[in-house]
Amino acid sequence: MADREFRTVLEGGSYFEGPRWRDGQWWVSDFYRHTVSRVAAGGGPETVVLEVENQPSGLGWLPDGSLLVVSMRDHRLLRVTDGEVWTHADLSAVCTGLLNDMVVDASGRAFVGDFGFDLMGGGAPAPASLKRVDPDGTVTVVAEGLRFPNGSVITPDGATLIVGETWGNRFSAFAIGPDGSLGERRVWASLGAEPVGDSVEELMGQVVVAPDGCTLDADGHVWVADGFGSRVLRIAPGGTIVEEIAAPDGMGVYACALGGEDGRTLLMCCAPDFYEHTRAPVREAVLVSTQVAVPHAGLP
């Protein structure tokens, strides 16, 4: 396991998610402060861009520069254009859990997953679907049967979507058609046997790696936050773990992103745990960064 020097970029969060690098700044959602913020590359005070009453998650941008934000609890995708906030799409009819992370392709098509079940309320685990939201707001279910689709990336050629399945011990991949349709699912990285059981407690003990927020590098490897393992991993196609970085100070890490001027800064979203009842009342989440050898590639 690599020993790393960490730099604190931002403190005082509740639970950071959806980190993105854009226009020389970091952008990030905070679930329980209900904010989308940006912060300078080297750290410093944050600028709150948007408040999202129903809990923000995944972030992305349309070709015209409009910001897209997942609003988790009411299953909406918001669009921010020239400071005005609009409902870009309502996904309520195709969600069985909270709307979650997202990646937006170069044409402005957003691929977004949901939890599939009531995670925080103790619901029984169930599969979820992956949805595509077109630039005009049209919603289409493009894949089903995923085990908690979470962090997603698109390869630089725009031809492949790779999505982590938090309760599946794997990443799955899909060919992206010219019209945004997805081809047959294949396993991009197997990280353990697929967990089986009827409760989160049963599944938890079988999870080897819990893929959460992730980012792609120029070697075609994925850096991913292991949501249960307090670490980020660099994973090669097939599932070999080629690098591991422990979260600082015993924290958990729940998302990561490559950015910085040369694309070699790895930003990590850290908090003591991921439970809503423990994170919402306090301000213990931090953003930290470290340097890696291979730069960012693809989307987001």
Protein backbone atom coordinates (compact mmCIF):
# COMPACT_ATOMS: atom_id res chain seq x y z
CA MET A 1 0.00 0.00 0.00
CA ALA A 2 1.45 3.34 -1.06
CA ASP A 3 2.25 5.98 1.54
CA ARG A 4 1.12 9.34 0.26
CA GLU A 5 1.33 12.97 1.18
CA PHE A 6 -2.15 14.47 1.37
CA ARG A 7 -3.20 18.06 0.95
CA THR A 8 -6.39 19.33 2.58
CA VAL A 9 -8.52 21.06 -0.05
CA LEU A 10 -11.72 21.70 1.94
CA GLU A 11 -12.98 20.96 5.45
CA GLY A 12 -16.33 21.29 7.21
CA GLY A 13 -18.51 19.16 4.96
CA SER A 14 -21.21 16.70 5.93
CA TYR A 15 -20.73 14.12 3.17
CA PHE A 16 -19.01 15.05 -0.07
CA GLU A 17 -19.84 13.27 -3.34
CA GLY A 18 -19.68 13.72 -7.10
CA PRO A 19 -16.28 15.50 -7.34
CA ARG A 20 -15.47 16.99 -10.74
CA TRP A 21 -12.65 19.08 -12.21
CA ARG A 22 -13.77 21.89 -14.52
CA ASP A 23 -12.40 25.29 -15.55
CA GLY A 24 -9.48 25.13 -13.16
CA GLN A 25 -11.57 24.38 -10.07
CA TRP A 26 -12.98 21.46 -8.13
CA TRP A 27 -16.74 21.04 -8.02
CA VAL A 28 -18.46 18.86 -5.42
CA SER A 29 -21.86 18.01 -3.94
CA ASP A 30 -22.52 17.82 -0.22
CA PHE A 31 -25.46 15.55 0.57
CA TYR A 32 -26.57 16.89 3.93
CA ARG A 33 -25.63 20.56 3.64
CA HIS A 34 -27.64 20.35 0.39
CA THR A 35 -25.03 22.31 -1.56
CA VAL A 36 -23.11 22.19 -4.81
CA SER A 37 -19.85 24.11 -4.44
CA ARG A 38 -16.63 24.88 -6.21
CA VAL A 39 -13.23 25.38 -4.63
CA ALA A 40 -9.84 26.46 -5.94
CA ALA A 41 -7.40 23.77 -7.05
CA GLY A 42 -5.09 24.29 -4.10
CA GLY A 43 -7.87 24.61 -1.56
CA GLY A 44 -9.40 27.54 0.22
CA PRO A 45 -12.87 28.93 0.81
CA GLU A 46 -15.70 27.31 -1.13
CA THR A 47 -18.19 29.09 -3.34
CA VAL A 48 -21.71 27.69 -3.05
CA VAL A 49 -23.13 27.51 -6.57
CA LEU A 50 -26.49 25.94 -5.80
CA GLU A 51 -28.61 24.73 -2.91
CA VAL A 52 -30.55 21.54 -3.58
CA GLU A 53 -33.28 20.91 -1.02
CA ASN A 54 -33.72 17.26 -1.96
CA GLN A 55 -30.04 16.32 -1.72
CA PRO A 56 -27.52 16.75 -4.56
CA SER A 57 -25.34 13.99 -5.98
CA GLY A 58 -23.90 13.52 -9.48
CA LEU A 59 -22.75 16.54 -11.50
CA GLY A 60 -22.19 17.11 -15.21
CA TRP A 61 -22.42 19.68 -17.98
CA LEU A 62 -24.30 20.05 -21.25
CA PRO A 63 -22.41 21.17 -24.37
CA ASP A 64 -23.74 24.72 -23.89
CA GLY A 65 -22.15 24.88 -20.42
CA SER A 66 -25.35 24.35 -18.44
CA LEU A 67 -24.76 22.50 -15.18
CA LEU A 68 -26.70 19.29 -14.54
CA VAL A 69 -27.26 18.20 -10.92
CA VAL A 70 -28.91 15.07 -9.59
CA SER A 71 -31.60 15.84 -7.00
CA MET A 72 -31.74 12.54 -5.15
CA ARG A 73 -34.89 12.45 -3.08
CA ASP A 74 -37.35 13.77 -5.64
CA HIS A 75 -35.71 11.88 -8.53
CA ARG A 76 -35.12 14.96 -10.65
CA LEU A 77 -32.25 16.07 -12.82
CA LEU A 78 -31.81 19.82 -12.49
CA ARG A 79 -30.36 22.14 -15.14
CA VAL A 80 -28.70 25.42 -14.19
CA THR A 81 -28.46 27.92 -17.06
CA ASP A 82 -27.35 31.53 -16.52
CA GLY A 83 -28.15 31.21 -12.83
CA GLU A 84 -31.69 29.93 -13.41
CA VAL A 85 -32.65 26.45 -12.15
CA TRP A 86 -34.98 24.26 -14.19
CA THR A 87 -36.20 20.66 -14.03
CA HIS A 88 -34.31 19.01 -16.87
CA ALA A 89 -36.01 15.64 -16.31
CA ASP A 90 -38.26 13.87 -13.80
CA LEU A 91 -37.16 10.26 -13.33
CA SER A 92 -39.65 9.29 -10.62
CA ALA A 93 -41.40 6.72 -12.79
CA VAL A 94 -38.20 4.73 -13.36
CA CYS A 95 -36.59 4.85 -9.89
CA THR A 96 -36.91 2.36 -7.03
CA GLY A 97 -34.44 4.14 -4.74
CA LEU A 98 -32.72 7.50 -4.42
CA LEU A 99 -31.33 8.89 -7.66
CA ASN A 100 -27.54 8.83 -7.45
CA ASP A 101 -24.35 9.33 -9.45
CA MET A 102 -24.15 10.34 -13.10
CA VAL A 103 -21.86 10.78 -16.07
CA VAL A 104 -22.67 13.08 -19.00
CA ASP A 105 -21.28 12.33 -22.45
CA ALA A 106 -19.94 14.82 -24.98
CA SER A 107 -23.38 15.08 -26.65
CA GLY A 108 -25.09 15.99 -23.37
CA ARG A 109 -26.66 12.60 -22.71
CA ALA A 110 -26.70 11.85 -18.97
CA PHE A 111 -26.41 8.28 -17.71
CA VAL A 112 -27.67 8.03 -14.13
CA GLY A 113 -28.42 5.22 -11.69
CA ASP A 114 -30.42 4.90 -8.49
CA PHE A 115 -30.04 2.93 -5.26
CA GLY A 116 -32.70 0.37 -6.17
CA PHE A 117 -33.96 0.13 -2.57
CA ASP A 118 -34.19 2.11 0.67
CA LEU A 119 -30.59 1.80 1.84
CA MET A 120 -30.77 4.19 4.80
CA GLY A 121 -34.18 2.91 5.89
CA GLY A 122 -33.08 -0.72 6.08
CA GLY A 123 -34.87 -1.95 2.96
CA ALA A 124 -34.16 -5.31 1.36
CA PRO A 125 -31.47 -5.09 -1.36
CA ALA A 126 -32.85 -5.06 -4.90
CA PRO A 127 -31.39 -4.43 -8.35
CA ALA A 128 -31.67 -1.07 -10.07
CA SER A 129 -31.72 0.30 -13.58
CA LEU A 130 -29.51 2.71 -15.47
CA LYS A 131 -31.28 5.61 -17.12
CA ARG A 132 -30.30 7.88 -20.04
CA VAL A 133 -31.55 11.45 -20.09
CA ASP A 134 -31.23 13.04 -23.51
CA PRO A 135 -30.45 16.75 -23.99
CA ASP A 136 -34.16 17.45 -24.48
CA GLY A 137 -34.99 15.80 -21.14
CA THR A 138 -36.36 12.54 -22.55
CA VAL A 139 -35.81 9.64 -20.12
CA THR A 140 -35.04 6.08 -21.30
CA VAL A 141 -34.14 3.01 -19.23
CA VAL A 142 -31.05 1.61 -20.97
CA ALA A 143 -29.97 -1.22 -18.62
CA GLU A 144 -31.56 -3.19 -15.80
CA GLY A 145 -30.54 -5.62 -13.09
CA LEU A 146 -27.53 -3.70 -11.75
CA ARG A 147 -26.43 -4.12 -8.15
CA PHE A 148 -26.51 -0.49 -7.01
CA PRO A 149 -25.07 1.34 -10.06
CA ASN A 150 -22.77 4.03 -8.73
CA GLY A 151 -19.72 5.86 -10.07
CA SER A 152 -19.46 5.81 -13.87
CA VAL A 153 -16.95 6.84 -16.52
CA ILE A 154 -16.92 7.09 -20.31
CA THR A 155 -13.81 6.24 -22.31
CA PRO A 156 -12.08 9.00 -24.32
CA ASP A 157 -13.48 7.72 -27.63
CA GLY A 158 -17.01 7.99 -26.21
CA ALA A 159 -17.64 4.36 -27.11
CA THR A 160 -17.80 2.64 -23.71
CA LEU A 161 -19.61 3.31 -20.43
CA ILE A 162 -18.07 1.68 -17.34
CA VAL A 163 -20.16 1.61 -14.16
CA GLY A 164 -19.34 0.37 -10.67
CA GLU A 165 -21.86 -1.87 -8.89
CA THR A 166 -21.41 -1.23 -5.17
CA TRP A 167 -23.14 -4.41 -4.01
CA GLY A 168 -21.90 -6.50 -6.93
CA ASN A 169 -18.10 -6.68 -6.41
CA ARG A 170 -17.64 -5.55 -9.99
CA PHE A 171 -17.55 -2.98 -12.73
CA SER A 172 -19.75 -3.55 -15.75
CA ALA A 173 -19.22 -2.07 -19.21
CA PHE A 174 -21.53 -1.26 -22.11
CA ALA A 175 -20.85 -0.22 -25.69
CA ILE A 176 -22.53 3.13 -26.36
CA GLY A 177 -24.36 3.29 -29.68
CA PRO A 178 -24.50 6.41 -31.86
CA ASP A 179 -28.03 7.05 -30.57
CA GLY A 180 -27.02 6.60 -26.91
CA SER A 181 -28.35 3.07 -26.64
CA LEU A 182 -26.28 0.61 -24.62
CA GLY A 183 -25.08 -2.74 -25.90
CA GLU A 184 -25.01 -5.98 -23.96
CA ARG A 185 -23.49 -5.75 -20.50
CA ARG A 186 -20.10 -7.32 -19.90
CA VAL A 187 -17.99 -7.57 -16.77
CA TRP A 188 -15.16 -5.02 -17.03
CA ALA A 189 -13.60 -5.93 -13.68
CA SER A 190 -14.48 -8.78 -11.34
CA LEU A 191 -13.44 -8.02 -7.77
CA GLY A 192 -15.04 -10.98 -5.98
CA ALA A 193 -17.99 -13.34 -6.14
CA GLU A 194 -21.38 -11.69 -6.52
CA PRO A 195 -22.84 -11.31 -2.99
CA VAL A 196 -26.10 -13.08 -2.21
CA GLY A 197 -28.61 -12.47 0.56
CA ASP A 198 -31.78 -10.65 1.55
CA SER A 199 -30.31 -7.95 3.78
CA VAL A 200 -27.56 -5.37 3.73
CA GLU A 201 -25.95 -7.15 6.69
CA GLU A 202 -25.73 -10.39 4.73
CA LEU A 203 -24.25 -8.70 1.70
CA MET A 204 -21.78 -6.54 3.63
CA GLY A 205 -19.67 -9.49 4.73
CA GLN A 206 -19.32 -10.68 1.15
CA VAL A 207 -18.21 -7.41 -0.40
CA VAL A 208 -14.52 -7.43 -1.32
CA VAL A 209 -14.54 -4.02 -3.01
CA ALA A 210 -17.56 -1.68 -2.92
CA PRO A 211 -17.14 0.55 -5.99
CA ASP A 212 -18.30 4.10 -5.28
CA GLY A 213 -17.27 7.32 -7.06
CA CYS A 214 -14.57 6.77 -9.68
CA THR A 215 -12.39 8.34 -12.36
CA LEU A 216 -10.55 7.09 -15.46
CA ASP A 217 -6.87 7.57 -16.30
CA ALA A 218 -4.92 7.63 -19.57
CA ASP A 219 -3.82 3.99 -19.18
CA GLY A 220 -7.44 2.89 -19.20
CA HIS A 221 -7.36 2.11 -15.47
CA VAL A 222 -10.08 3.21 -13.05
CA TRP A 223 -9.34 4.88 -9.72
CA VAL A 224 -12.26 4.07 -7.44
CA ALA A 225 -13.26 4.79 -3.87
CA ASP A 226 -13.89 1.54 -2.00
CA GLY A 227 -16.96 2.54 -0.02
CA PHE A 228 -16.39 -0.07 2.69
CA GLY A 229 -12.60 -0.30 2.62
CA SER A 230 -11.34 3.19 3.58
CA ARG A 231 -9.17 3.33 0.48
CA VAL A 232 -8.96 4.22 -3.18
CA LEU A 233 -7.87 1.58 -5.67
CA ARG A 234 -6.45 1.75 -9.17
CA ILE A 235 -8.01 -1.14 -11.06
CA ALA A 236 -6.98 -2.56 -14.43
CA PRO A 237 -9.46 -4.06 -16.90
CA GLY A 238 -10.25 -7.54 -15.65
CA GLY A 239 -10.04 -6.59 -11.99
CA THR A 240 -6.37 -6.56 -10.99
CA ILE A 241 -5.69 -3.99 -8.27
CA VAL A 242 -2.49 -2.26 -9.35
CA GLU A 243 -2.34 0.47 -6.72
CA GLU A 244 -3.92 1.19 -3.34
CA ILE A 245 -4.01 4.35 -1.23
CA ALA A 246 -5.43 4.32 2.29
CA ALA A 247 -7.65 7.21 3.30
CA PRO A 248 -5.97 9.58 5.78
CA ASP A 249 -6.58 9.52 9.53
CA GLY A 250 -8.77 6.42 9.52
CA MET A 251 -11.42 8.10 7.35
CA GLY A 252 -13.60 6.36 4.80
CA VAL A 253 -13.42 7.53 1.20
CA TYR A 254 -16.54 7.58 -0.98
CA ALA A 255 -15.61 9.25 -4.25
CA CYS A 256 -12.55 10.40 -6.15
CA ALA A 257 -11.67 12.40 -9.24
CA LEU A 258 -8.57 13.18 -11.28
CA GLY A 259 -7.92 16.81 -12.13
CA GLY A 260 -5.50 19.65 -11.70
CA GLU A 261 -3.68 21.43 -14.50
CA ASP A 262 -1.85 18.26 -15.56
CA GLY A 263 -4.64 15.84 -14.62
CA ARG A 264 -2.49 14.07 -12.05
CA THR A 265 -4.15 15.34 -8.86
CA LEU A 266 -6.40 12.75 -7.26
CA LEU A 267 -9.13 14.33 -5.13
CA MET A 268 -10.71 12.13 -2.44
CA CYS A 269 -14.05 12.68 -0.66
CA CYS A 270 -13.51 11.52 2.92
CA ALA A 271 -15.76 11.10 5.95
CA PRO A 272 -15.82 8.82 9.01
CA ASP A 273 -18.70 6.73 7.56
CA PHE A 274 -21.57 6.92 5.06
CA TYR A 275 -24.63 6.69 7.33
CA GLU A 276 -27.09 9.58 7.06
CA HIS A 277 -27.95 9.67 10.77
CA THR A 278 -24.28 10.12 11.73
CA ARG A 279 -23.18 12.43 8.91
CA ALA A 280 -26.07 14.88 8.69
CA PRO A 281 -25.72 16.49 12.15
CA VAL A 282 -21.93 17.08 12.00
CA ARG A 283 -19.33 18.72 9.77
CA GLU A 284 -16.49 16.20 9.68
CA ALA A 285 -16.15 15.49 5.93
CA VAL A 286 -13.04 16.68 4.11
CA LEU A 287 -11.66 16.86 0.60
CA VAL A 288 -8.03 15.82 0.35
CA SER A 289 -5.73 15.45 -2.64
CA THR A 290 -2.61 13.54 -3.55
CA GLN A 291 -0.48 13.23 -6.68
CA VAL A 292 -0.46 10.22 -8.99
CA ALA A 293 1.64 9.31 -12.03
CA VAL A 294 -0.93 8.83 -14.82
CA PRO A 295 -3.23 11.72 -15.82
CA HIS A 296 -6.99 11.83 -16.25
CA ALA A 297 -8.76 10.64 -19.36
CA GLY A 298 -12.35 10.38 -20.57
CA LEU A 299 -15.45 11.63 -18.75
CA PRO A 300 -16.30 12.95 -16.25
